[in-house]
Protein backbone atom coordinates (compact mmCIF):
# COMPACT_ATOMS: atom_id res chain seq x y z
CA MET A 1 145.44 105.48 61.74
CA ASP A 2 145.01 109.31 61.53
CA LEU A 3 148.13 111.32 63.20
CA SER A 4 147.97 114.53 61.28
CA ARG A 5 147.26 116.63 64.27
CA ALA A 6 150.32 115.01 66.29
CA THR A 7 152.44 115.63 63.33
CA SER A 8 151.47 119.23 63.03
CA GLN A 9 151.58 119.87 66.79
CA LEU A 10 155.29 118.35 66.47
CA LEU A 11 156.39 120.55 63.41
CA SER A 12 154.89 123.74 65.11
CA ASN A 13 157.44 123.46 67.51
CA GLN A 14 159.60 126.21 66.65
CA HIS A 15 162.84 125.36 68.54
CA PHE A 16 162.29 121.57 67.58
CA VAL A 17 162.31 122.53 63.63
CA GLN A 18 165.16 124.90 64.02
CA SER A 19 167.36 122.16 65.87
CA LEU A 20 166.74 119.39 63.42
CA PRO A 21 169.47 118.11 61.27
CA GLU A 22 169.82 118.99 57.31
CA GLY A 23 166.90 117.23 55.62
CA PHE A 24 164.98 116.06 58.09
CA ILE A 25 162.59 118.85 58.20
CA GLU A 26 161.34 117.89 54.70
CA ILE A 27 161.10 113.89 55.76
CA LEU A 28 158.84 115.19 58.36
CA ARG A 29 156.86 117.42 56.46
CA SER A 30 156.59 115.37 53.07
CA GLY A 31 158.22 111.99 53.38
CA THR A 32 156.62 108.26 53.30
CA ASN A 33 155.61 106.80 56.37
CA ALA A 34 158.33 104.89 56.36
CA GLN A 35 160.75 107.54 56.10
CA TYR A 36 158.74 109.35 58.67
CA LEU A 37 159.04 106.71 61.26
CA ASP A 38 162.35 106.13 60.75
CA ALA A 39 163.44 109.89 61.17
CA LEU A 40 161.25 110.21 64.16
CA ALA A 41 163.13 106.81 65.36
CA HIS A 42 166.62 108.27 64.44
CA LEU A 43 165.84 111.50 66.50
CA ALA A 44 164.15 109.91 69.77
CA LEU A 45 167.72 108.97 70.92
CA SER A 46 168.75 112.35 71.38
CA PRO A 47 167.76 113.59 74.74
CA THR A 48 167.42 117.12 73.10
CA HIS A 49 164.22 115.53 71.17
CA ALA A 50 162.96 112.91 73.11
CA THR A 51 160.78 114.44 75.48
CA LEU A 52 159.17 116.29 72.76
CA ILE A 53 158.57 113.27 70.16
CA PHE A 54 157.00 110.72 72.76
CA SER A 55 154.81 113.80 74.26
CA THR A 56 153.39 114.45 71.06
CA GLN A 57 153.59 110.90 69.49
CA PRO A 58 152.23 108.65 71.96
CA LEU A 59 150.52 106.68 69.53
CA LEU A 60 153.82 105.65 67.87
CA SER A 61 155.73 105.16 70.83
CA ALA A 62 156.02 101.70 70.76
CA GLU A 63 156.59 101.57 66.73
CA ILE A 64 159.81 103.88 67.70
CA CYS A 65 161.20 101.41 69.73
CA SER A 66 160.41 98.85 67.74
CA ARG A 67 162.52 100.32 65.02
CA TRP A 68 165.37 100.58 67.00
CA LEU A 69 165.02 96.73 67.45
CA GLY A 70 165.09 96.31 64.18
CA ALA A 71 167.94 99.19 62.91
CA SER A 72 170.81 96.72 63.70
CA MET A 73 172.10 99.73 65.81
CA PRO A 74 176.04 99.91 66.61
CA SER A 75 176.71 99.85 70.71
CA PRO A 76 176.65 103.70 71.11
CA GLN A 77 173.18 103.97 69.96
CA LEU A 78 171.51 101.19 71.33
CA VAL A 79 173.05 102.67 74.93
CA SER A 80 171.36 105.81 73.50
CA ALA A 81 168.06 103.98 72.91
CA PHE A 82 168.33 102.70 76.60
CA ALA A 83 168.59 105.79 78.13
CA THR A 84 166.19 107.00 75.99
CA LEU A 85 163.65 104.25 77.21
CA ALA A 86 165.05 105.12 81.16
CA ARG A 87 164.41 108.16 80.92
CA ILE A 88 160.72 108.15 79.86
CA LEU A 89 159.26 104.75 81.29
CA PRO A 90 157.37 106.73 84.49
CA ILE A 91 154.83 108.21 81.97
CA VAL A 92 154.85 104.84 79.59
CA PRO A 93 155.27 102.06 81.45
CA TYR A 94 153.65 99.67 78.88
CA LEU A 95 157.17 100.34 76.53
CA SER A 96 159.11 98.06 79.61
CA PRO A 97 159.21 95.00 77.97
CA PHE A 98 161.52 96.89 75.11
CA ILE A 99 164.27 97.38 77.85
CA ARG A 100 164.75 93.03 78.00
CA GLN A 101 164.84 93.32 74.15
CA LEU A 102 167.19 95.81 74.05
CA CYS A 103 169.57 94.09 76.35
CA GLU A 104 169.29 90.39 74.00
CA LEU A 105 170.49 92.52 71.43
CA GLN A 106 173.33 92.63 73.34
CA LYS A 107 174.14 90.06 75.13
CA GLU A 108 177.89 90.47 75.19
CA GLY A 109 177.63 94.55 75.31
CA LEU A 110 177.60 97.02 77.58
CA LEU A 111 173.88 96.86 78.50
CA SER A 112 174.44 93.24 79.85
CA LEU A 113 177.39 93.85 81.20
CA LEU A 114 176.28 95.20 84.73
CA GLY A 115 174.03 92.17 85.41
CA SER A 116 176.38 89.84 84.22
CA ARG A 117 177.99 87.25 87.29
CA ASN A 118 181.37 86.55 85.45
CA THR A 119 184.08 88.52 85.86
CA VAL A 120 184.76 91.46 83.36
CA GLU A 121 187.32 94.33 82.79
CA ILE A 122 184.08 96.72 83.54
CA LEU A 123 187.02 99.15 84.57
CA GLU A 124 188.13 99.64 81.14
CA LEU A 125 184.84 100.73 79.54
CA PRO A 126 184.28 103.93 78.04
CA GLU A 127 183.83 106.36 80.63
CA ASP A 128 181.05 108.47 79.03
CA SER A 129 179.07 105.42 77.67
CA LEU A 130 179.39 103.67 80.97
CA HIS A 131 178.03 106.66 82.79
CA ALA A 132 175.05 106.99 80.85
CA VAL A 133 174.22 103.03 81.16
CA LEU A 134 174.68 103.95 85.29
CA LEU A 135 172.34 106.82 85.14
CA ALA A 136 169.51 104.63 83.17
CA LEU A 137 169.57 101.93 85.46
CA CYS A 138 169.57 103.86 88.48
CA ARG A 139 166.51 105.56 87.05
CA LEU A 140 164.91 101.85 86.28
CA LEU A 141 165.47 100.73 89.63
CA ARG A 142 164.29 103.63 91.25
CA PHE A 143 161.04 103.41 88.79
CA ASP A 144 160.36 99.50 89.16
CA ASN A 145 163.34 97.76 91.18
CA GLU A 146 161.19 94.51 91.00
CA THR A 147 161.18 94.49 87.31
CA PHE A 148 164.57 95.41 86.15
CA VAL A 149 166.64 94.12 89.15
CA PHE A 150 167.75 91.64 86.64
CA LEU A 151 170.33 94.45 84.88
CA ALA A 152 172.26 94.82 87.96
CA SER A 153 174.95 92.45 89.75
CA PRO A 154 176.96 93.22 92.92
CA ALA A 155 179.79 92.04 91.84
CA GLN A 156 180.10 94.71 88.82
CA LEU A 157 179.02 97.19 91.07
CA GLN A 158 181.60 96.75 93.80
CA LEU A 159 184.38 96.65 90.96
CA LEU A 160 183.21 100.18 90.26
CA LEU A 161 183.36 101.66 93.76
CA GLY A 162 187.26 102.03 92.91
CA HIS A 163 186.52 103.87 89.05
CA GLY A 164 188.43 106.73 88.84
CA SER A 165 185.10 108.88 88.42
CA ARG A 166 183.38 110.48 91.15
CA SER A 167 180.15 110.79 89.32
CA ILE A 168 180.56 106.81 88.18
CA ARG A 169 181.44 105.89 91.91
CA TYR A 170 178.21 107.98 93.02
CA LEU A 171 175.76 106.34 90.80
CA ALA A 172 177.27 102.52 91.76
CA ILE A 173 176.94 103.34 95.34
CA ARG A 174 173.08 104.21 94.64
CA ILE A 175 171.76 101.06 92.44
CA LEU A 176 174.19 99.10 94.65
CA CYS A 177 171.46 100.32 97.59
CA LEU A 178 168.61 99.95 95.49
CA TYR A 179 169.40 96.28 94.45
CA LEU A 180 169.97 95.54 98.25
CA HIS A 181 166.85 97.57 99.45
CA ALA A 182 169.33 99.67 101.83
CA SER A 183 168.13 102.17 104.01
CA GLU A 184 169.16 106.30 103.43
CA SER A 185 171.33 106.33 106.27
CA ALA A 186 173.30 103.03 105.31
CA MET A 187 173.70 104.87 101.86
CA GLU A 188 174.82 108.07 103.13
CA GLU A 189 177.38 106.01 105.10
CA MET A 190 178.89 104.70 101.70
CA ILE A 191 179.10 107.61 100.05
CA GLU A 192 181.01 109.16 103.00
CA LYS A 193 183.54 106.08 102.77
CA TYR A 194 183.97 106.13 98.71
CA LEU A 195 183.40 109.55 98.01
CA GLY A 196 184.27 111.62 101.19
CA ARG A 197 182.35 114.96 101.75
CA GLY A 198 183.05 117.02 98.61
CA PRO A 199 181.08 118.09 95.84
CA ILE A 200 180.60 114.55 92.96
CA ASN A 201 180.50 116.89 89.66
CA GLY A 202 179.36 115.08 86.32
CA GLN A 203 177.39 114.87 83.66
CA TRP A 204 173.41 114.50 83.73
CA GLU A 205 171.30 115.20 81.07
CA ASP A 206 172.36 118.28 79.01
CA LYS A 207 174.69 119.78 82.02
CA GLN A 208 177.09 119.28 84.73
CA ILE A 209 175.80 118.85 88.15
CA ASP A 210 176.61 118.27 91.82
CA TYR A 211 175.54 114.60 91.97
CA THR A 212 175.14 115.15 96.06
CA PHE A 213 171.72 116.66 95.17
CA PHE A 214 170.76 114.16 92.39
CA GLY A 215 167.45 113.13 94.19
CA LEU A 216 166.36 116.72 93.64
CA TRP A 217 167.74 117.03 90.26
CA GLU A 218 165.61 113.71 89.11
CA ALA A 219 162.55 114.85 90.89
CA LYS A 220 162.38 118.40 88.84
CA ARG A 221 163.11 116.18 85.84
CA LEU A 222 160.12 114.03 86.50
CA ARG A 223 157.74 117.06 86.86
CA LYS A 224 158.68 118.47 83.64
CA LEU A 225 158.34 115.01 82.03
CA HIS A 226 154.76 114.78 83.46
CA GLU A 227 154.10 118.45 82.34
CA ALA A 228 155.51 117.65 78.68
CA PHE A 229 153.37 114.56 78.38
CA GLU A 230 150.11 116.21 79.87
CA ARG A 231 150.66 119.37 77.46
CA GLY A 232 150.79 116.94 74.85
CA ARG A 233 147.64 115.12 75.48
CA LEU A 234 145.62 118.41 75.97
CA GLU A 235 146.98 119.64 72.50
CA HIS A 236 146.00 116.44 70.78
CA GLU A 237 142.15 117.32 71.83
CA PRO A 238 140.27 118.34 68.73
CA GLY A 239 140.04 121.90 68.12
CA THR A 240 143.26 122.98 70.27
CA SER A 241 145.51 123.02 67.12
CA SER A 242 145.02 123.71 63.57
CA ILE A 243 146.29 120.60 61.25
CA SER A 244 148.87 121.77 58.54
CA VAL A 245 150.17 118.30 57.54
CA GLN A 246 148.64 115.17 56.60
CA ARG A 247 149.79 112.02 58.34
CA VAL A 248 147.67 108.89 58.19
CA PHE A 249 149.24 105.19 58.67
CA ASP A 250 147.80 101.95 57.72
CA HIS A 251 148.70 98.70 59.58
CA LYS A 252 151.25 97.59 56.80
CA ASP A 253 153.28 100.52 57.92
CA PHE A 254 154.06 99.36 61.42
CA SER A 255 157.19 96.69 62.42
CA ALA A 256 155.88 93.17 63.07
CA THR A 257 156.82 93.70 66.96
CA THR A 258 154.33 95.91 67.15
CA VAL A 259 150.33 95.28 67.17
CA CYS A 260 147.29 97.79 67.22
CA LEU A 261 144.31 97.39 69.62
CA SER A 262 141.50 99.59 69.34
CA GLY A 263 143.92 102.47 67.61
CA VAL A 264 146.65 102.14 70.05
CA LEU A 265 150.07 100.39 68.94
CA LEU A 266 151.50 97.98 71.44
CA PRO A 267 154.41 96.13 72.00
CA CYS A 268 154.20 92.32 70.78
CA PHE A 269 156.96 90.06 70.34
CA LYS A 270 155.31 87.05 69.57
CA PRO A 271 155.11 86.16 65.82
CA ARG A 272 151.27 87.33 64.56
CA LYS A 273 148.94 85.13 63.68
CA GLY A 274 146.71 84.80 60.58
CA ALA A 275 143.27 86.33 60.57
CA GLY A 276 141.82 82.91 59.48
CA SER A 277 139.50 80.77 61.32
CA SER A 278 140.46 78.87 64.11
CA TRP A 279 138.04 75.96 63.06
CA LYS A 280 139.07 72.81 61.51
CA THR A 281 137.19 70.52 58.92
CA THR A 282 136.69 67.23 59.61
CA PRO A 283 134.78 64.56 57.41
CA THR A 284 131.45 63.71 58.57
């Protein structure tokens, strides 16, 4: 799999190159394929880099997610991986299986907590991590309610209606209404009951926003996401950009949880079978 053009496209972005931590530029330019893939997986955990990496490296998206699964990451990084997937899933829906796999890695952690039916001390969880997971869960349910509803529990969400953070209360209401398929008017009534009519300031991406306008911010984000992936697709076409770095992969470079079909890497969580014949030799 020749990804020289995609690698050159990524490294031609000066803003990306200048924002890289020390040592990463050299790995991306001349490191081994394993080092290159590990570096992409690490950088893609950051909201600053995720969109550019996934839009310029679409053929490696499944491999990046697979490396998250096999990296024995601490809880904060698992939350970052969960949030990254929720952010880009409307463009790359075939990565959906990785959401469940990430939750399986943290059966007793924050990723599985909101869907738990057991009583837990959810109000005592770190506010920044809880906020990140709630925002990601809200995005997942807005994208595909039926698939991801298992991640939410009304009992846990109701507890969050008494949380000290106004933006966390807002996200809990939004998720609860998505879970229950409540109407817009019912959601507005809940917001007024638990939050009143004032601004609902909180963290969103890399900025502070008023969550009263959450829907508008999300629509703008999705529009920019579509534009980024479309721009990446056009720049992948032959003749549209120069190749400054050579990067060719062999099937041995990829994880066991991906499979290459017609030059496209896809998630594969079942053990791979050998290439031997399925015919059985019998005496005659």
